């Protein structure tokens, strides 16, 4: 294994991580901003009001994007396992 190979593998792993986490984090961010604006307008400062909508939004994001995220992870992992003998040389 060369340094370039390890750097490329780490780069692909980080890219896959960002790609998979972006729908969940983006939806959580959007819901969090909407709830914050709602709290600022109505002056309701309830702690559970910030967490419950985010949890529900993230749950629905996992339901919607879960299959896509799993396919990307399976593709990356199977590629690693198939090419493992080549990596060990």
N, C-alpha and C. Protein backbone atom coordinates (compact mmCIF):
# COMPACT_ATOMS: atom_id res chain seq x y z
N UNK A 1 0.84 -1.18 0.00
CA UNK A 1 0.00 0.00 0.00
C UNK A 1 0.88 1.24 0.00
N UNK A 2 0.48 2.16 -0.81
CA UNK A 2 1.22 3.41 -0.90
C UNK A 2 0.49 4.51 -0.15
N UNK A 3 1.19 5.59 0.06
CA UNK A 3 0.60 6.73 0.75
C UNK A 3 -0.54 7.32 -0.08
N UNK A 4 -0.37 7.35 -1.40
CA UNK A 4 -1.42 7.88 -2.27
C UNK A 4 -2.69 7.04 -2.20
N UNK A 5 -2.50 5.71 -2.13
CA UNK A 5 -3.66 4.82 -2.04
C UNK A 5 -4.42 5.05 -0.75
N UNK A 6 -3.70 5.14 0.36
CA UNK A 6 -4.34 5.35 1.66
C UNK A 6 -5.05 6.71 1.69
N UNK A 7 -4.40 7.71 1.12
CA UNK A 7 -5.03 9.04 1.07
C UNK A 7 -6.28 9.02 0.21
N UNK A 8 -6.24 8.29 -0.91
CA UNK A 8 -7.41 8.19 -1.77
C UNK A 8 -8.54 7.43 -1.09
N UNK A 9 -8.22 6.35 -0.38
CA UNK A 9 -9.23 5.59 0.35
C UNK A 9 -9.86 6.43 1.45
N UNK A 10 -9.04 7.18 2.18
CA UNK A 10 -9.57 8.06 3.23
C UNK A 10 -10.43 9.16 2.62
N UNK A 11 -10.02 9.68 1.48
CA UNK A 11 -10.80 10.71 0.79
C UNK A 11 -12.16 10.17 0.37
N UNK A 12 -12.18 8.97 -0.20
CA UNK A 12 -13.46 8.37 -0.61
C UNK A 12 -14.35 8.09 0.60
N UNK A 13 -13.75 7.62 1.69
CA UNK A 13 -14.54 7.33 2.90
C UNK A 13 -15.15 8.61 3.47
N UNK A 14 -14.38 9.68 3.50
CA UNK A 14 -14.93 10.95 3.99
C UNK A 14 -16.01 11.49 3.06
N UNK A 15 -15.81 11.34 1.75
CA UNK A 15 -16.82 11.80 0.79
C UNK A 15 -18.12 11.01 0.96
N UNK A 16 -18.02 9.70 1.14
CA UNK A 16 -19.21 8.87 1.35
C UNK A 16 -19.91 9.28 2.65
N UNK A 17 -19.13 9.57 3.68
CA UNK A 17 -19.71 10.00 4.96
C UNK A 17 -20.48 11.31 4.80
N UNK A 18 -19.89 12.26 4.10
CA UNK A 18 -20.58 13.54 3.86
C UNK A 18 -21.81 13.35 3.00
N UNK A 19 -21.72 12.51 1.99
CA UNK A 19 -22.84 12.27 1.09
C UNK A 19 -24.01 11.62 1.82
N UNK A 20 -23.71 10.69 2.69
CA UNK A 20 -24.77 9.98 3.40
C UNK A 20 -25.40 10.86 4.49
N UNK A 21 -24.59 11.64 5.16
CA UNK A 21 -25.13 12.43 6.28
C UNK A 21 -25.80 13.73 5.84
N UNK A 22 -25.56 14.18 4.62
CA UNK A 22 -26.09 15.48 4.21
C UNK A 22 -27.62 15.56 4.18
N UNK A 23 -28.37 14.56 3.71
CA UNK A 23 -29.83 14.73 3.75
C UNK A 23 -30.39 14.86 5.17
N UNK A 24 -29.85 14.07 6.09
CA UNK A 24 -30.35 14.11 7.46
C UNK A 24 -29.95 15.42 8.13
N UNK A 25 -28.69 15.81 7.97
CA UNK A 25 -28.24 17.06 8.59
C UNK A 25 -28.92 18.28 7.98
N UNK A 26 -29.11 18.25 6.66
CA UNK A 26 -29.77 19.37 5.99
C UNK A 26 -31.21 19.54 6.44
N UNK A 27 -31.93 18.43 6.52
CA UNK A 27 -33.33 18.52 6.97
C UNK A 27 -33.40 18.92 8.44
N UNK A 28 -32.50 18.39 9.25
CA UNK A 28 -32.46 18.80 10.66
C UNK A 28 -32.15 20.28 10.82
N UNK A 29 -31.25 20.79 9.98
CA UNK A 29 -30.92 22.21 10.01
C UNK A 29 -32.11 23.06 9.59
N UNK A 30 -32.78 22.66 8.53
CA UNK A 30 -33.93 23.42 8.05
C UNK A 30 -35.05 23.46 9.09
N UNK A 31 -35.33 22.34 9.69
CA UNK A 31 -36.38 22.30 10.72
C UNK A 31 -35.94 23.10 11.95
N UNK A 32 -34.67 23.02 12.31
CA UNK A 32 -34.18 23.79 13.45
C UNK A 32 -34.29 25.29 13.23
N UNK A 33 -33.96 25.74 12.03
CA UNK A 33 -34.08 27.17 11.73
C UNK A 33 -35.55 27.60 11.74
N UNK A 34 -36.42 26.76 11.17
CA UNK A 34 -37.85 27.10 11.16
C UNK A 34 -38.41 27.18 12.59
N UNK A 35 -38.01 26.25 13.43
CA UNK A 35 -38.49 26.26 14.82
C UNK A 35 -37.91 27.48 15.55
N UNK A 36 -36.66 27.81 15.29
CA UNK A 36 -36.06 28.99 15.94
C UNK A 36 -36.75 30.28 15.53
N UNK A 37 -37.08 30.38 14.26
CA UNK A 37 -37.82 31.57 13.80
C UNK A 37 -39.20 31.61 14.44
N UNK A 38 -39.85 30.46 14.52
CA UNK A 38 -41.17 30.40 15.17
C UNK A 38 -41.07 30.81 16.64
N UNK A 39 -40.02 30.35 17.32
CA UNK A 39 -39.84 30.72 18.73
C UNK A 39 -39.55 32.20 18.89
N UNK A 40 -38.77 32.76 17.97
CA UNK A 40 -38.45 34.18 18.06
C UNK A 40 -39.68 35.04 17.81
N UNK A 41 -40.52 34.61 16.88
CA UNK A 41 -41.71 35.40 16.56
C UNK A 41 -42.74 35.32 17.68
N UNK A 42 -42.95 34.12 18.21
CA UNK A 42 -44.00 33.95 19.22
C UNK A 42 -43.47 34.11 20.65
N UNK A 43 -42.17 34.21 20.83
CA UNK A 43 -41.52 34.33 22.13
C UNK A 43 -41.83 33.15 23.05
N UNK A 44 -42.01 31.97 22.44
CA UNK A 44 -42.18 30.74 23.22
C UNK A 44 -40.80 30.11 23.35
N UNK A 45 -40.31 29.97 24.57
CA UNK A 45 -38.97 29.41 24.78
C UNK A 45 -39.07 28.06 25.48
N UNK A 46 -39.70 27.12 24.85
CA UNK A 46 -39.86 25.78 25.39
C UNK A 46 -38.76 24.89 24.82
N UNK A 47 -38.04 24.17 25.67
CA UNK A 47 -36.93 23.33 25.22
C UNK A 47 -37.38 22.15 24.38
N UNK A 48 -38.50 21.56 24.73
CA UNK A 48 -38.97 20.40 23.96
C UNK A 48 -39.43 20.81 22.57
N UNK A 49 -39.79 22.07 22.39
CA UNK A 49 -40.23 22.53 21.08
C UNK A 49 -39.09 22.51 20.07
N UNK A 50 -37.86 22.58 20.53
CA UNK A 50 -36.73 22.53 19.60
C UNK A 50 -36.35 21.10 19.23
N UNK A 51 -36.53 20.16 20.13
CA UNK A 51 -36.06 18.80 19.88
C UNK A 51 -37.07 17.92 19.18
N UNK A 52 -38.32 17.98 19.55
CA UNK A 52 -39.33 17.07 19.00
C UNK A 52 -39.49 17.22 17.49
N UNK A 53 -39.63 18.43 16.93
CA UNK A 53 -39.75 18.52 15.47
C UNK A 53 -38.50 18.03 14.73
N UNK A 54 -37.31 18.27 15.31
CA UNK A 54 -36.08 17.79 14.68
C UNK A 54 -36.02 16.27 14.68
N UNK A 55 -36.42 15.65 15.78
CA UNK A 55 -36.42 14.19 15.87
C UNK A 55 -37.38 13.60 14.85
N UNK A 56 -38.55 14.19 14.73
CA UNK A 56 -39.54 13.70 13.76
C UNK A 56 -39.04 13.90 12.34
N UNK A 57 -38.44 15.04 12.06
CA UNK A 57 -37.91 15.30 10.71
C UNK A 57 -36.78 14.34 10.36
N UNK A 58 -35.91 14.07 11.31
CA UNK A 58 -34.81 13.14 11.05
C UNK A 58 -35.33 11.73 10.87
N UNK A 59 -36.35 11.35 11.61
CA UNK A 59 -36.98 10.04 11.42
C UNK A 59 -37.54 9.90 10.02
N UNK A 60 -38.24 10.93 9.54
CA UNK A 60 -38.79 10.87 8.19
C UNK A 60 -37.69 10.92 7.13
N UNK A 61 -36.62 11.64 7.41
CA UNK A 61 -35.49 11.66 6.46
C UNK A 61 -34.86 10.28 6.35
N UNK A 62 -34.75 9.58 7.46
CA UNK A 62 -34.21 8.22 7.41
C UNK A 62 -35.17 7.31 6.65
N UNK A 63 -36.47 7.49 6.85
CA UNK A 63 -37.43 6.68 6.10
C UNK A 63 -37.35 6.95 4.60
N UNK A 64 -37.18 8.20 4.23
CA UNK A 64 -37.16 8.56 2.81
C UNK A 64 -35.82 8.20 2.17
N UNK A 65 -34.71 8.58 2.81
CA UNK A 65 -33.39 8.41 2.21
C UNK A 65 -32.66 7.17 2.68
N UNK A 66 -33.27 6.36 3.54
CA UNK A 66 -32.58 5.20 4.11
C UNK A 66 -32.13 4.19 3.08
N UNK A 67 -32.98 3.89 2.12
CA UNK A 67 -32.62 2.91 1.09
C UNK A 67 -31.45 3.42 0.26
N UNK A 68 -31.49 4.67 -0.13
CA UNK A 68 -30.41 5.27 -0.91
C UNK A 68 -29.09 5.27 -0.13
N UNK A 69 -29.16 5.63 1.16
CA UNK A 69 -27.96 5.66 1.98
C UNK A 69 -27.38 4.26 2.14
N UNK A 70 -28.25 3.28 2.32
CA UNK A 70 -27.78 1.91 2.50
C UNK A 70 -27.16 1.37 1.22
N UNK A 71 -27.72 1.72 0.07
CA UNK A 71 -27.13 1.28 -1.20
C UNK A 71 -25.73 1.85 -1.40
N UNK A 72 -25.54 3.12 -1.05
CA UNK A 72 -24.22 3.72 -1.18
C UNK A 72 -23.23 3.04 -0.23
N UNK A 73 -23.65 2.81 0.99
CA UNK A 73 -22.77 2.14 1.95
C UNK A 73 -22.44 0.72 1.53
N UNK A 74 -23.44 -0.01 1.04
CA UNK A 74 -23.20 -1.38 0.59
C UNK A 74 -22.26 -1.42 -0.61
N UNK A 75 -22.43 -0.49 -1.52
CA UNK A 75 -21.55 -0.42 -2.69
C UNK A 75 -20.11 -0.15 -2.27
N UNK A 76 -19.92 0.81 -1.38
CA UNK A 76 -18.57 1.14 -0.92
C UNK A 76 -17.94 -0.02 -0.17
N UNK A 77 -18.71 -0.64 0.73
CA UNK A 77 -18.18 -1.74 1.53
C UNK A 77 -17.89 -2.97 0.69
N UNK A 78 -18.78 -3.30 -0.22
CA UNK A 78 -18.53 -4.46 -1.08
C UNK A 78 -17.33 -4.23 -1.98
N UNK A 79 -17.14 -3.00 -2.43
CA UNK A 79 -15.96 -2.68 -3.22
C UNK A 79 -14.69 -2.87 -2.39
N UNK A 80 -14.73 -2.48 -1.13
CA UNK A 80 -13.57 -2.70 -0.26
C UNK A 80 -13.28 -4.19 -0.07
N UNK A 81 -14.33 -4.98 0.18
CA UNK A 81 -14.13 -6.40 0.42
C UNK A 81 -13.68 -7.14 -0.82
N UNK A 82 -14.21 -6.78 -1.98
CA UNK A 82 -13.82 -7.45 -3.21
C UNK A 82 -12.36 -7.15 -3.54
N UNK A 83 -11.93 -5.93 -3.31
CA UNK A 83 -10.56 -5.53 -3.65
C UNK A 83 -9.57 -5.71 -2.50
N UNK A 84 -9.98 -6.34 -1.42
CA UNK A 84 -9.10 -6.53 -0.27
C UNK A 84 -7.82 -7.29 -0.63
N UNK A 85 -7.88 -8.35 -1.42
CA UNK A 85 -6.61 -9.01 -1.79
C UNK A 85 -5.67 -8.10 -2.57
N UNK A 86 -6.21 -7.23 -3.39
CA UNK A 86 -5.36 -6.27 -4.12
C UNK A 86 -4.74 -5.24 -3.18
N UNK A 87 -5.46 -4.89 -2.12
CA UNK A 87 -4.96 -3.90 -1.19
C UNK A 87 -3.83 -4.47 -0.32
N UNK A 88 -3.88 -5.76 -0.04
CA UNK A 88 -2.91 -6.38 0.84
C UNK A 88 -1.55 -6.57 0.19
N UNK A 89 -1.48 -6.47 -1.11
CA UNK A 89 -0.20 -6.67 -1.80
C UNK A 89 0.77 -5.57 -1.54
